[in-house]
């Protein structure tokens, strides 16, 4: 194992693991126990929910880093390189660090035959310990209750919101999804949520009460005076710990004010020895870097907006953001959605603000999850779009349709945005060689 390179590990070894989702925490616990339970060597914050959890986790990590702690971040999926999933102080770990952690775990991985996500979670937790992190923000991969990340013992739990996604795994009702998300609530551990009043929040409330976990709710109007621009989002928030805060985040959109406010609420509940001061909160929020979330680039005289919206709730947030930005016209939409997503609900609100729409297929999308854009066009009443399955050709047509000073919006999935960043030469941390199907899964 030690002689293998990073690329060999990603390309050849991971696909040999059993595919798909394997529920349960037993395999992950055994993997981690075999290498000394590295996930217990540092403090953690656990972030779950349907949308926005990556933005919340990235914001937490950015603030904690500004507070002087060596800070880890574990998220999924990635855009351009597997290493993005495991970051220390805002930078993906090196290829050698991936190899070192995978080498120690590999005999146990072969014995346990975990899923890809279980194995990579164990590798991540070991790599973060090896890097000497003091604290880490950990994003749930899928669901919560039986997600591999749920082996940690967090100081604070944050739950963003509940929407229907991954129905084949989590259930096709808000109630079913909320119960799975609530599974990361721990006995006595403070939990904060931005879920609006309703059925899902009530499920969170009951579960927290059962476990004696203090629950804090961020109401929708607590992030006040929200101003969204192409530079980021400004808003005000009252804090019992830090007083009246005037916050700026480079993350763009009204929904990002809520995500950042939720991160601040979570930080309020840290033990005093871990809690950042007000200057560190402001600086950390302002310094967060989280590509692919209403990310604006300027290339060849055009404005490019790249967003990983991949379910109806994410699309609604993106549409609301686009409305606030007064983007240069014409606006051309390039959309590539995975076949197991609710593209019928996603396409109309995406196409509505666009002058032209192009349906395409991102090349890194696993073959078994690729949509048929021709079928999508036929099945979506009133949709006017061009179908260009070849991704690079679709981007080139978008350049042509947008003219020299227009806007191209690229969205629909992590694959679509990641492939666009690579094609534009703007991969934030470099790009891996094309990955086998299993390795891009959450």
Protein backbone atom coordinates (compact mmCIF):
# COMPACT_ATOMS: atom_id res chain seq x y z
CA UNK A 1 0.00 0.00 0.00
CA UNK A 2 2.75 2.49 0.87
CA UNK A 3 4.13 2.34 -2.69
CA UNK A 4 0.87 3.50 -4.25
CA UNK A 5 0.39 7.09 -5.34
CA UNK A 6 -2.49 9.39 -4.51
CA UNK A 7 -3.95 9.00 -7.99
CA UNK A 8 -3.76 5.22 -7.77
CA UNK A 9 -5.61 5.31 -4.47
CA UNK A 10 -8.40 7.49 -5.83
CA UNK A 11 -8.68 5.84 -9.23
CA UNK A 12 -8.08 2.20 -8.46
CA UNK A 13 -8.60 1.35 -4.81
CA UNK A 14 -11.74 3.26 -3.86
CA UNK A 15 -13.91 1.82 -6.63
CA UNK A 16 -13.15 -1.65 -5.29
CA UNK A 17 -15.15 -0.83 -2.19
CA UNK A 18 -18.74 -1.94 -2.12
CA UNK A 19 -20.86 0.58 -3.98
CA UNK A 20 -23.89 2.53 -2.91
CA UNK A 21 -25.10 3.45 0.55
CA UNK A 22 -24.52 1.18 3.54
CA UNK A 23 -26.40 2.37 6.58
CA UNK A 24 -25.10 1.93 10.10
CA UNK A 25 -22.20 3.19 12.18
CA UNK A 26 -20.61 -0.12 13.14
CA UNK A 27 -18.14 -0.36 10.23
CA UNK A 28 -16.99 3.23 10.64
CA UNK A 29 -16.53 2.75 14.39
CA UNK A 30 -14.47 -0.40 13.82
CA UNK A 31 -12.30 1.31 11.22
CA UNK A 32 -11.57 4.21 13.55
CA UNK A 33 -11.02 1.97 16.58
CA UNK A 34 -8.40 0.04 14.60
CA UNK A 35 -6.28 3.21 14.31
CA UNK A 36 -6.84 4.59 17.82
CA UNK A 37 -10.14 6.50 17.48
CA UNK A 38 -8.59 9.60 15.90
CA UNK A 39 -11.99 11.35 15.71
CA UNK A 40 -11.91 11.70 19.51
CA UNK A 41 -8.55 13.50 19.50
CA UNK A 42 -10.06 16.91 18.68
CA UNK A 43 -13.23 18.88 19.32
CA UNK A 44 -15.96 18.94 16.68
CA UNK A 45 -19.04 20.77 15.51
CA UNK A 46 -21.55 18.69 13.53
CA UNK A 47 -23.60 20.29 10.74
CA UNK A 48 -26.60 18.59 9.17
CA UNK A 49 -29.65 19.54 7.13
CA UNK A 50 -30.67 19.49 3.49
CA UNK A 51 -29.24 22.68 1.99
CA UNK A 52 -26.62 25.12 3.23
CA UNK A 53 -24.77 22.78 5.57
CA UNK A 54 -21.51 23.11 3.63
CA UNK A 55 -21.70 26.90 3.81
CA UNK A 56 -22.36 26.73 7.56
CA UNK A 57 -19.47 24.30 8.11
CA UNK A 58 -17.09 26.41 6.03
CA UNK A 59 -18.07 29.53 7.96
CA UNK A 60 -17.54 27.80 11.30
CA UNK A 61 -14.10 26.61 10.21
CA UNK A 62 -13.12 30.05 8.95
CA UNK A 63 -14.03 31.74 12.24
CA UNK A 64 -12.33 29.10 14.38
CA UNK A 65 -9.19 29.40 12.29
CA UNK A 66 -9.17 33.17 12.90
CA UNK A 67 -9.46 32.37 16.61
CA UNK A 68 -6.01 30.82 16.43
CA UNK A 69 -6.94 27.13 16.49
CA UNK A 70 -5.65 24.65 13.97
CA UNK A 71 -8.99 23.94 12.34
CA UNK A 72 -10.25 21.04 10.26
CA UNK A 73 -13.13 20.92 7.79
CA UNK A 74 -14.72 17.77 6.39
CA UNK A 75 -17.33 18.16 3.66
CA UNK A 76 -18.78 16.32 0.70
CA UNK A 77 -19.00 15.99 -2.21
CA UNK A 78 -16.11 17.78 -3.86
CA UNK A 79 -15.99 19.93 -6.98
CA UNK A 80 -12.63 19.26 -8.65
CA UNK A 81 -10.38 17.24 -6.34
CA UNK A 82 -11.05 14.69 -3.64
CA UNK A 83 -8.69 16.60 -1.34
CA UNK A 84 -11.24 19.44 -1.07
CA UNK A 85 -13.20 17.25 1.31
CA UNK A 86 -10.48 17.33 3.98
CA UNK A 87 -9.10 20.78 4.78
CA UNK A 88 -6.84 22.17 7.48
CA UNK A 89 -6.86 25.92 8.05
CA UNK A 90 -8.69 26.51 4.79
CA UNK A 91 -6.40 24.43 2.58
CA UNK A 92 -7.01 20.88 1.31
CA UNK A 93 -4.59 18.35 2.74
CA UNK A 94 -1.77 17.20 0.51
CA UNK A 95 -1.70 14.06 -1.58
CA UNK A 96 0.94 12.59 0.74
CA UNK A 97 -1.40 13.06 3.72
CA UNK A 98 -4.19 11.22 1.92
CA UNK A 99 -1.78 8.40 1.12
CA UNK A 100 -0.50 8.20 4.71
CA UNK A 101 -3.98 7.95 6.25
CA UNK A 102 -5.27 5.55 3.60
CA UNK A 103 -2.19 3.35 4.02
CA UNK A 104 -2.78 2.91 7.75
CA UNK A 105 -6.46 2.18 7.25
CA UNK A 106 -6.32 0.06 4.15
CA UNK A 107 -5.91 -3.40 5.79
CA UNK A 108 -8.95 -2.62 7.92
CA UNK A 109 -10.87 -1.24 4.95
CA UNK A 110 -10.25 -4.48 3.08
CA UNK A 111 -11.54 -6.43 6.06
CA UNK A 112 -14.64 -4.31 6.71
CA UNK A 113 -15.62 -3.67 3.06
CA UNK A 114 -17.20 -0.29 3.87
CA UNK A 115 -18.92 2.00 1.41
CA UNK A 116 -16.87 4.71 -0.26
CA UNK A 117 -18.20 7.36 2.12
CA UNK A 118 -17.53 5.27 5.21
CA UNK A 119 -13.94 4.69 4.11
CA UNK A 120 -13.31 8.30 3.20
CA UNK A 121 -14.83 9.50 6.47
CA UNK A 122 -12.41 7.30 8.40
CA UNK A 123 -9.51 8.51 6.24
CA UNK A 124 -10.57 12.12 6.81
CA UNK A 125 -10.86 11.79 10.59
CA UNK A 126 -7.43 10.12 10.75
CA UNK A 127 -5.83 12.69 8.45
CA UNK A 128 -7.23 15.55 10.55
CA UNK A 129 -5.80 13.99 13.71
CA UNK A 130 -2.44 13.47 12.01
CA UNK A 131 -2.48 17.16 11.02
CA UNK A 132 -2.89 18.13 14.66
CA UNK A 133 -6.21 19.93 14.40
CA UNK A 134 -7.68 21.21 17.64
CA UNK A 135 -11.23 21.46 16.35
CA UNK A 136 -13.11 20.52 13.18
CA UNK A 137 -16.39 21.38 11.49
CA UNK A 138 -17.91 18.18 10.12
CA UNK A 139 -20.66 18.17 7.50
CA UNK A 140 -23.11 15.26 7.41
CA UNK A 141 -22.89 13.32 4.16
CA UNK A 142 -26.44 12.00 3.80
CA UNK A 143 -29.28 12.04 6.30
CA UNK A 144 -27.77 12.05 9.76
CA UNK A 145 -28.85 9.26 12.06
CA UNK A 146 -26.94 6.53 10.22
CA UNK A 147 -24.46 8.73 8.38
CA UNK A 148 -20.82 7.72 8.86
CA UNK A 149 -19.99 11.12 10.39
CA UNK A 150 -22.38 10.45 13.27
CA UNK A 151 -19.65 8.68 15.24
CA UNK A 152 -18.25 12.01 16.47
CA UNK A 153 -18.98 13.52 19.90
CA UNK A 154 -19.62 17.15 18.99
CA UNK A 155 -19.60 20.23 21.18
CA UNK A 156 -22.45 21.77 19.17
CA UNK A 157 -24.91 20.46 16.56
CA UNK A 158 -26.30 22.70 13.80
CA UNK A 159 -29.28 21.75 11.62
CA UNK A 160 -29.88 24.05 8.66
CA UNK A 161 -33.25 23.08 7.19
CA UNK A 162 -35.27 20.16 5.86
CA UNK A 163 -36.34 19.68 2.25
CA UNK A 164 -37.07 16.66 0.11
CA UNK A 165 -33.87 15.26 -1.39
CA UNK A 166 -32.42 11.74 -1.66
CA UNK A 167 -35.96 10.43 -1.21
CA UNK A 168 -34.85 6.94 -2.20
CA UNK A 169 -32.72 6.84 0.96
CA UNK A 170 -34.34 9.22 3.45
CA UNK A 171 -38.04 8.92 2.66
CA UNK A 172 -40.47 10.92 0.57
CA UNK A 173 -42.03 13.02 3.32
CA UNK A 174 -40.71 15.96 5.31
CA UNK A 175 -41.43 14.00 8.49
CA UNK A 176 -39.28 11.06 7.41
CA UNK A 177 -36.41 13.29 6.31
CA UNK A 178 -36.55 15.38 9.49
CA UNK A 179 -36.33 12.28 11.68
CA UNK A 180 -33.18 11.20 9.90
CA UNK A 181 -31.66 14.68 10.18
CA UNK A 182 -32.56 14.81 13.90
CA UNK A 183 -30.47 11.70 14.42
CA UNK A 184 -27.32 13.78 14.94
CA UNK A 185 -28.76 15.44 18.06
CA UNK A 186 -26.82 14.14 21.07
CA UNK A 187 -27.67 13.94 24.77
CA UNK A 188 -26.96 17.25 26.47
CA UNK A 189 -25.24 18.77 23.43
CA UNK A 190 -26.52 22.21 22.37
CA UNK A 191 -28.35 22.19 19.04
CA UNK A 192 -29.20 25.17 16.86
CA UNK A 193 -31.47 25.20 13.81
CA UNK A 194 -32.71 27.58 11.16
CA UNK A 195 -35.64 25.33 10.21
CA UNK A 196 -38.80 27.48 9.99
CA UNK A 197 -41.79 26.81 12.20
CA UNK A 198 -43.60 23.66 11.19
CA UNK A 199 -43.50 19.90 11.26
CA UNK A 200 -39.75 19.45 10.84
CA UNK A 201 -38.86 21.96 13.55
CA UNK A 202 -41.29 20.24 15.90
CA UNK A 203 -39.50 16.94 15.27
CA UNK A 204 -36.20 18.63 16.14
CA UNK A 205 -37.75 20.13 19.27
CA UNK A 206 -39.14 16.79 20.49
CA UNK A 207 -35.89 14.94 19.83
CA UNK A 208 -33.85 17.60 21.62
CA UNK A 209 -36.23 17.46 24.61
CA UNK A 210 -35.96 13.67 24.76
CA UNK A 211 -32.18 13.89 24.92
CA UNK A 212 -31.89 16.92 27.18
CA UNK A 213 -30.17 18.86 24.39
CA UNK A 214 -30.69 22.63 24.71
CA UNK A 215 -32.35 23.85 21.48
CA UNK A 216 -31.86 27.31 19.98
CA UNK A 217 -33.98 28.37 17.01
CA UNK A 218 -32.82 31.01 14.55
CA UNK A 219 -36.00 32.68 13.36
CA UNK A 220 -36.23 33.82 9.75
CA UNK A 221 -36.20 37.52 10.64
CA UNK A 222 -33.18 37.47 12.96
CA UNK A 223 -30.79 38.21 10.10
CA UNK A 224 -31.85 41.83 9.49
CA UNK A 225 -31.17 44.53 6.92
CA UNK A 226 -29.86 42.01 4.41
CA UNK A 227 -28.09 43.56 1.41
CA UNK A 228 -26.91 41.29 -1.39
CA UNK A 229 -24.38 42.41 -4.00
CA UNK A 230 -21.97 40.76 -6.41
CA UNK A 231 -19.30 41.11 -3.72
CA UNK A 232 -21.21 39.27 -1.00
CA UNK A 233 -23.92 39.65 1.62
CA UNK A 234 -24.22 42.14 4.49
CA UNK A 235 -26.63 41.89 7.38
CA UNK A 236 -27.13 42.62 11.07
CA UNK A 237 -27.55 40.08 13.85
CA UNK A 238 -28.09 40.53 17.58
CA UNK A 239 -25.96 38.21 19.70
CA UNK A 240 -26.31 37.49 23.39
CA UNK A 241 -22.54 36.90 23.47
CA UNK A 242 -21.10 39.55 21.13
CA UNK A 243 -23.82 42.21 21.05
CA UNK A 244 -25.02 43.84 17.84
CA UNK A 245 -23.07 42.45 14.89
CA UNK A 246 -22.71 43.95 11.43
CA UNK A 247 -21.56 41.01 9.34
CA UNK A 248 -20.22 40.68 5.80
CA UNK A 249 -19.71 37.35 4.06
CA UNK A 250 -18.39 36.88 0.53
CA UNK A 251 -21.05 34.19 0.14
CA UNK A 252 -23.77 35.65 -2.06
CA UNK A 253 -27.52 35.43 -1.49
CA UNK A 254 -30.27 36.06 1.05
CA UNK A 255 -30.05 32.42 2.13
CA UNK A 256 -26.38 32.92 3.00
CA UNK A 257 -27.33 35.51 5.61
CA UNK A 258 -29.33 32.75 7.29
CA UNK A 259 -26.49 30.23 6.96
CA UNK A 260 -23.94 32.62 8.45
CA UNK A 261 -26.31 33.64 11.24
CA UNK A 262 -26.80 29.96 12.08
CA UNK A 263 -23.02 29.48 12.23
CA UNK A 264 -22.73 32.44 14.61
CA UNK A 265 -25.48 31.01 16.82
CA UNK A 266 -23.59 27.69 16.92
CA UNK A 267 -20.37 29.45 17.93
CA UNK A 268 -22.22 31.17 20.79
CA UNK A 269 -22.69 27.74 22.38
CA UNK A 270 -19.04 26.72 22.44
CA UNK A 271 -17.34 26.45 25.79
CA UNK A 272 -15.66 29.73 26.84
CA UNK A 273 -12.17 28.38 26.19
CA UNK A 274 -13.12 27.64 22.57
CA UNK A 275 -15.35 30.61 21.85
CA UNK A 276 -13.88 33.26 19.50
CA UNK A 277 -14.05 36.94 20.33
CA UNK A 278 -16.07 39.46 18.33
CA UNK A 279 -13.17 40.53 16.10
CA UNK A 280 -12.46 36.90 15.23
CA UNK A 281 -16.12 36.30 14.38
CA UNK A 282 -16.23 39.30 12.04
CA UNK A 283 -12.90 38.44 10.41
CA UNK A 284 -13.72 34.76 10.02
CA UNK A 285 -17.11 35.40 8.46
CA UNK A 286 -15.54 37.88 6.04
CA UNK A 287 -12.75 35.49 5.04
CA UNK A 288 -14.77 32.35 4.26
CA UNK A 289 -14.03 30.76 0.91
CA UNK A 290 -16.61 28.32 -0.42
CA UNK A 291 -16.50 27.89 -4.21
CA UNK A 292 -19.48 26.91 -6.31
CA UNK A 293 -22.08 28.74 -4.26
CA UNK A 294 -23.37 31.62 -6.40
CA UNK A 295 -19.71 32.06 -7.26
CA UNK A 296 -19.11 34.95 -9.65
CA UNK A 297 -16.21 34.85 -12.10
CA UNK A 298 -15.23 37.21 -14.89
CA UNK A 299 -13.86 35.48 -17.94
CA UNK A 300 -13.50 36.72 -21.55
CA UNK A 301 -15.56 39.82 -20.80
CA UNK A 302 -18.46 37.73 -19.51
CA UNK A 303 -19.88 37.23 -16.05
CA UNK A 304 -20.10 33.61 -14.96
CA UNK A 305 -22.25 32.49 -12.02
CA UNK A 306 -21.68 28.95 -10.79
CA UNK A 307 -23.94 27.35 -8.20
CA UNK A 308 -24.30 23.74 -7.08
CA UNK A 309 -28.11 23.91 -6.60
CA UNK A 310 -29.22 20.31 -7.08
CA UNK A 311 -32.73 20.10 -5.62
CA UNK A 312 -35.85 22.30 -5.78
CA UNK A 313 -35.07 24.13 -2.53
CA UNK A 314 -31.54 24.90 -3.70
CA UNK A 315 -32.88 26.12 -7.04
CA UNK A 316 -35.33 28.42 -5.25
CA UNK A 317 -32.46 29.95 -3.27
CA UNK A 318 -30.41 30.42 -6.43
CA UNK A 319 -33.34 32.01 -8.29
CA UNK A 320 -33.90 34.46 -5.43
CA UNK A 321 -30.21 35.33 -5.47
CA UNK A 322 -30.13 35.92 -9.23
CA UNK A 323 -33.07 38.30 -8.90
CA UNK A 324 -31.06 40.52 -6.53
CA UNK A 325 -27.92 40.78 -8.65
CA UNK A 326 -29.03 42.68 -11.80
CA UNK A 327 -26.73 40.56 -13.93
CA UNK A 328 -25.62 41.80 -17.36
CA UNK A 329 -27.90 40.54 -20.11
CA UNK A 330 -28.34 38.38 -21.99
CA UNK A 331 -28.37 35.70 -19.30
CA UNK A 332 -27.67 32.20 -20.59
CA UNK A 333 -28.41 29.18 -18.41
CA UNK A 334 -26.28 26.04 -18.70
CA UNK A 335 -27.85 23.29 -16.62
CA UNK A 336 -26.88 19.67 -16.04
CA UNK A 337 -28.95 17.75 -13.50
CA UNK A 338 -28.54 14.17 -12.34
CA UNK A 339 -31.21 11.76 -13.46
CA UNK A 340 -32.33 10.82 -9.95
CA UNK A 341 -33.12 14.45 -9.04
CA UNK A 342 -36.46 16.21 -9.43
CA UNK A 343 -35.48 18.00 -12.61
CA UNK A 344 -39.12 18.56 -13.52
CA UNK A 345 -39.48 20.89 -10.52
CA UNK A 346 -36.03 22.43 -10.95
CA UNK A 347 -36.02 23.47 -14.60
CA UNK A 348 -38.86 26.06 -14.76
CA UNK A 349 -37.56 28.37 -11.98
CA UNK A 350 -34.03 28.10 -13.37
CA UNK A 351 -35.07 28.95 -16.93
CA UNK A 352 -37.44 31.77 -15.96
CA UNK A 353 -34.82 34.53 -15.49
CA UNK A 354 -32.72 33.34 -18.45
CA UNK A 355 -32.78 34.68 -21.99
CA UNK A 356 -31.48 31.37 -23.31
CA UNK A 357 -31.30 27.91 -21.73
CA UNK A 358 -28.99 25.04 -22.62
CA UNK A 359 -29.41 21.52 -21.25
CA UNK A 360 -26.24 19.43 -21.08
CA UNK A 361 -24.57 16.46 -19.38
CA UNK A 362 -21.53 17.00 -17.10
CA UNK A 363 -18.79 14.51 -18.07
CA UNK A 364 -17.99 13.45 -14.49
CA UNK A 365 -21.58 12.44 -13.76
CA UNK A 366 -21.71 8.68 -13.10
CA UNK A 367 -23.14 6.84 -16.10
CA UNK A 368 -25.98 5.34 -14.07
CA UNK A 369 -27.05 8.77 -12.77
CA UNK A 370 -26.95 10.77 -16.00
CA UNK A 371 -30.16 12.42 -17.10
CA UNK A 372 -31.51 12.50 -20.63
CA UNK A 373 -31.79 16.20 -21.46
CA UNK A 374 -33.91 15.45 -24.53
CA UNK A 375 -36.43 13.67 -22.33
CA UNK A 376 -36.31 16.51 -19.81
CA UNK A 377 -37.11 19.05 -22.51
CA UNK A 378 -40.00 16.99 -23.83
CA UNK A 379 -41.40 16.41 -20.33
CA UNK A 380 -41.26 20.03 -19.12
CA UNK A 381 -44.23 22.01 -20.45
CA UNK A 382 -43.38 25.49 -21.65
CA UNK A 383 -39.61 25.03 -21.40
CA UNK A 384 -37.71 26.57 -24.30
CA UNK A 385 -34.15 25.28 -24.41
CA UNK A 386 -31.41 23.92 -26.60
CA UNK A 387 -30.05 20.45 -25.88
CA UNK A 388 -26.28 20.11 -26.22
CA UNK A 389 -25.18 16.89 -24.49
CA UNK A 390 -21.48 17.58 -25.08
CA UNK A 391 -20.48 19.69 -22.09
CA UNK A 392 -17.64 21.68 -23.65
CA UNK A 393 -19.79 22.40 -26.68
CA UNK A 394 -22.57 23.60 -24.36
CA UNK A 395 -20.19 26.02 -22.66
CA UNK A 396 -18.98 27.28 -26.03
CA UNK A 397 -22.58 27.84 -27.19
CA UNK A 398 -23.26 29.71 -23.94
CA UNK A 399 -20.34 32.02 -24.72
CA UNK A 400 -21.83 32.66 -28.14
CA UNK A 401 -25.37 33.21 -26.87
CA UNK A 402 -24.26 35.53 -24.05
CA UNK A 403 -22.27 37.81 -26.33
CA UNK A 404 -19.19 39.72 -25.20
CA UNK A 405 -20.76 41.32 -22.11
CA UNK A 406 -23.52 38.97 -20.93
CA UNK A 407 -23.83 36.37 -18.19
CA UNK A 408 -23.60 32.58 -18.14
CA UNK A 409 -25.21 30.76 -15.19
CA UNK A 410 -23.96 27.19 -14.68
CA UNK A 411 -25.86 24.99 -12.26
CA UNK A 412 -27.72 21.73 -11.60
CA UNK A 413 -25.20 19.58 -9.71
CA UNK A 414 -21.76 19.47 -8.12
CA UNK A 415 -20.55 17.67 -11.22
CA UNK A 416 -21.77 20.44 -13.51
CA UNK A 417 -20.11 23.21 -11.52
CA UNK A 418 -16.89 21.27 -10.92
CA UNK A 419 -16.57 20.40 -14.59
CA UNK A 420 -17.19 24.04 -15.54
CA UNK A 421 -14.52 25.28 -13.13
CA UNK A 422 -12.05 22.82 -14.64
CA UNK A 423 -13.03 23.80 -18.20
CA UNK A 424 -12.56 27.50 -17.34
CA UNK A 425 -9.18 26.82 -15.73
CA UNK A 426 -10.54 28.05 -12.38
CA UNK A 427 -10.48 24.90 -10.25
CA UNK A 428 -9.93 26.38 -6.76
CA UNK A 429 -7.42 23.78 -5.57
CA UNK A 430 -6.47 21.99 -8.77
CA UNK A 431 -8.19 19.00 -10.28
CA UNK A 432 -7.83 15.25 -10.04
CA UNK A 433 -7.69 13.01 -13.02
CA UNK A 434 -11.20 11.91 -14.07
CA UNK A 435 -12.58 9.84 -11.21
CA UNK A 436 -14.37 6.49 -11.33
CA UNK A 437 -18.11 6.70 -10.66
CA UNK A 438 -18.01 5.74 -6.99
CA UNK A 439 -15.45 8.29 -5.93
CA UNK A 440 -17.53 11.41 -6.59
CA UNK A 441 -20.48 10.23 -4.53
CA UNK A 442 -21.43 11.94 -1.30
